[in-house]
Amino acid sequence: MAEKSVRVDQMRRHMVITFFAATGILAGQFPADAQTFFTYRCRDGSEFIAAFYEGDSRAHLQLDGKAVALSKRMSVSGSRYAKGDTTLRITKTGTTLKRGKRLTECSVR
């Protein structure tokens, strides 16, 4: 009878160790990334939200009710993000959003 009790205790101990080991592994797989959100209002009346995540070079926009991820592009000054006919430029002097041939200045709200 005592032998059965020892086995049950050992089994419980192994289960607890396994649980905490798995929890530690999963916690390491999902680090909390820093994120930054900005709401922009543009001169043409449009508004959009831009999100920037640590470890991701893209700009994630909520534009016209749609989620768009713009890839970072080479820029002489500031930052430039683009996808298709949409380009977001962020410099020290201001921010512009170009959609097709329309270019508008934007500022953080």
Protein backbone atom coordinates (compact mmCIF):
# COMPACT_ATOMS: atom_id res chain seq x y z
CA MET A 1 0.00 0.00 0.00
CA ALA A 2 2.83 2.40 0.87
CA GLU A 3 4.50 1.58 -2.44
CA LYS A 4 1.36 2.69 -4.34
CA SER A 5 1.31 5.98 -2.40
CA VAL A 6 4.96 6.66 -3.32
CA ARG A 7 4.20 6.04 -7.01
CA VAL A 8 1.24 8.44 -6.91
CA ASP A 9 3.40 11.12 -5.26
CA GLN A 10 6.13 10.63 -7.89
CA MET A 11 3.58 10.83 -10.67
CA ARG A 12 2.12 14.07 -9.25
CA ARG A 13 5.59 15.55 -8.92
CA HIS A 14 6.42 14.68 -12.55
CA MET A 15 3.13 16.19 -13.72
CA VAL A 16 3.79 19.44 -11.84
CA ILE A 17 7.35 19.67 -13.22
CA THR A 18 6.09 18.97 -16.74
CA PHE A 19 3.36 21.59 -16.40
CA PHE A 20 5.78 24.32 -15.27
CA ALA A 21 8.34 23.36 -17.92
CA ALA A 22 5.70 23.58 -20.66
CA THR A 23 4.44 26.91 -19.28
CA GLY A 24 7.98 28.31 -19.33
CA ILE A 25 8.55 27.17 -22.90
CA LEU A 26 5.26 28.66 -24.09
CA ALA A 27 5.92 31.95 -22.28
CA GLY A 28 9.24 32.22 -24.11
CA GLN A 29 7.53 31.64 -27.46
CA PHE A 30 5.20 34.63 -27.10
CA PRO A 31 7.21 37.65 -25.95
CA ALA A 32 5.35 40.89 -25.30
CA ASP A 33 6.41 43.12 -28.18
CA ALA A 34 6.49 46.86 -27.77
CA GLN A 35 3.98 48.62 -29.95
CA THR A 36 3.27 52.21 -30.88
CA PHE A 37 0.00 53.55 -32.28
CA PHE A 38 -0.64 56.96 -33.86
CA THR A 39 -3.88 58.44 -35.15
CA TYR A 40 -3.36 60.79 -38.09
CA ARG A 41 -5.70 63.41 -39.52
CA CYS A 42 -4.93 64.61 -43.05
CA ARG A 43 -5.66 67.89 -44.84
CA ASP A 44 -7.95 66.17 -47.33
CA GLY A 45 -10.17 65.06 -44.42
CA SER A 46 -9.02 61.46 -44.26
CA GLU A 47 -7.93 59.79 -41.02
CA PHE A 48 -5.94 56.66 -40.38
CA ILE A 49 -4.26 54.77 -37.57
CA ALA A 50 -0.64 53.65 -37.93
CA ALA A 51 0.82 50.91 -35.72
CA PHE A 52 4.49 50.07 -35.42
CA TYR A 53 5.62 46.87 -33.69
CA GLU A 54 9.07 46.10 -32.32
CA GLY A 55 10.78 43.56 -34.54
CA ASP A 56 8.53 44.33 -37.54
CA SER A 57 9.77 46.89 -40.05
CA ARG A 58 6.32 47.42 -41.61
CA ALA A 59 3.81 50.17 -40.87
CA HIS A 60 0.38 48.68 -40.18
CA LEU A 61 -2.39 51.06 -41.20
CA GLN A 62 -6.12 51.07 -40.64
CA LEU A 63 -7.09 53.06 -43.72
CA ASP A 64 -10.58 53.41 -45.21
CA GLY A 65 -11.80 50.62 -42.95
CA LYS A 66 -9.16 48.17 -44.19
CA ALA A 67 -5.96 46.85 -42.65
CA VAL A 68 -2.92 47.50 -44.82
CA ALA A 69 0.70 46.57 -44.05
CA LEU A 70 3.17 48.87 -45.81
CA SER A 71 6.74 47.60 -46.22
CA LYS A 72 9.62 49.83 -45.19
CA ARG A 73 11.49 51.26 -48.21
CA MET A 74 14.78 53.07 -48.65
CA SER A 75 14.60 56.78 -47.84
CA VAL A 76 17.17 59.57 -47.87
CA SER A 77 15.63 61.15 -44.78
CA GLY A 78 12.97 59.96 -42.38
CA SER A 79 10.98 56.79 -43.04
CA ARG A 80 9.07 55.66 -46.09
CA TYR A 81 6.58 52.78 -46.21
CA ALA A 82 4.82 51.59 -49.36
CA LYS A 83 2.55 48.96 -50.85
CA GLY A 84 0.98 49.26 -54.27
CA ASP A 85 -0.11 52.85 -54.86
CA THR A 86 -0.07 53.77 -51.13
CA THR A 87 2.99 55.48 -49.64
CA LEU A 88 3.46 56.86 -46.14
CA ARG A 89 6.40 59.23 -45.52
CA ILE A 90 7.37 60.31 -42.02
CA THR A 91 10.06 62.96 -41.66
CA LYS A 92 11.08 65.52 -39.03
CA THR A 93 9.17 68.19 -40.91
CA GLY A 94 5.93 66.27 -41.43
CA THR A 95 4.03 63.23 -42.61
CA THR A 96 2.48 62.67 -46.04
CA LEU A 97 0.15 60.00 -47.34
CA LYS A 98 0.02 59.32 -51.07
CA ARG A 99 -2.76 57.19 -52.54
CA GLY A 100 -2.57 56.90 -56.28
CA LYS A 101 -1.79 60.40 -57.53
CA ARG A 102 -3.30 62.14 -54.48
CA LEU A 103 -0.79 63.44 -51.94
CA THR A 104 -1.93 64.91 -48.64
CA GLU A 105 -0.17 66.21 -45.52
CA CYS A 106 -1.10 64.56 -42.25
CA SER A 107 -0.46 65.22 -38.58
CA VAL A 108 -0.81 63.20 -35.41
CA ARG A 109 -4.11 63.90 -33.73
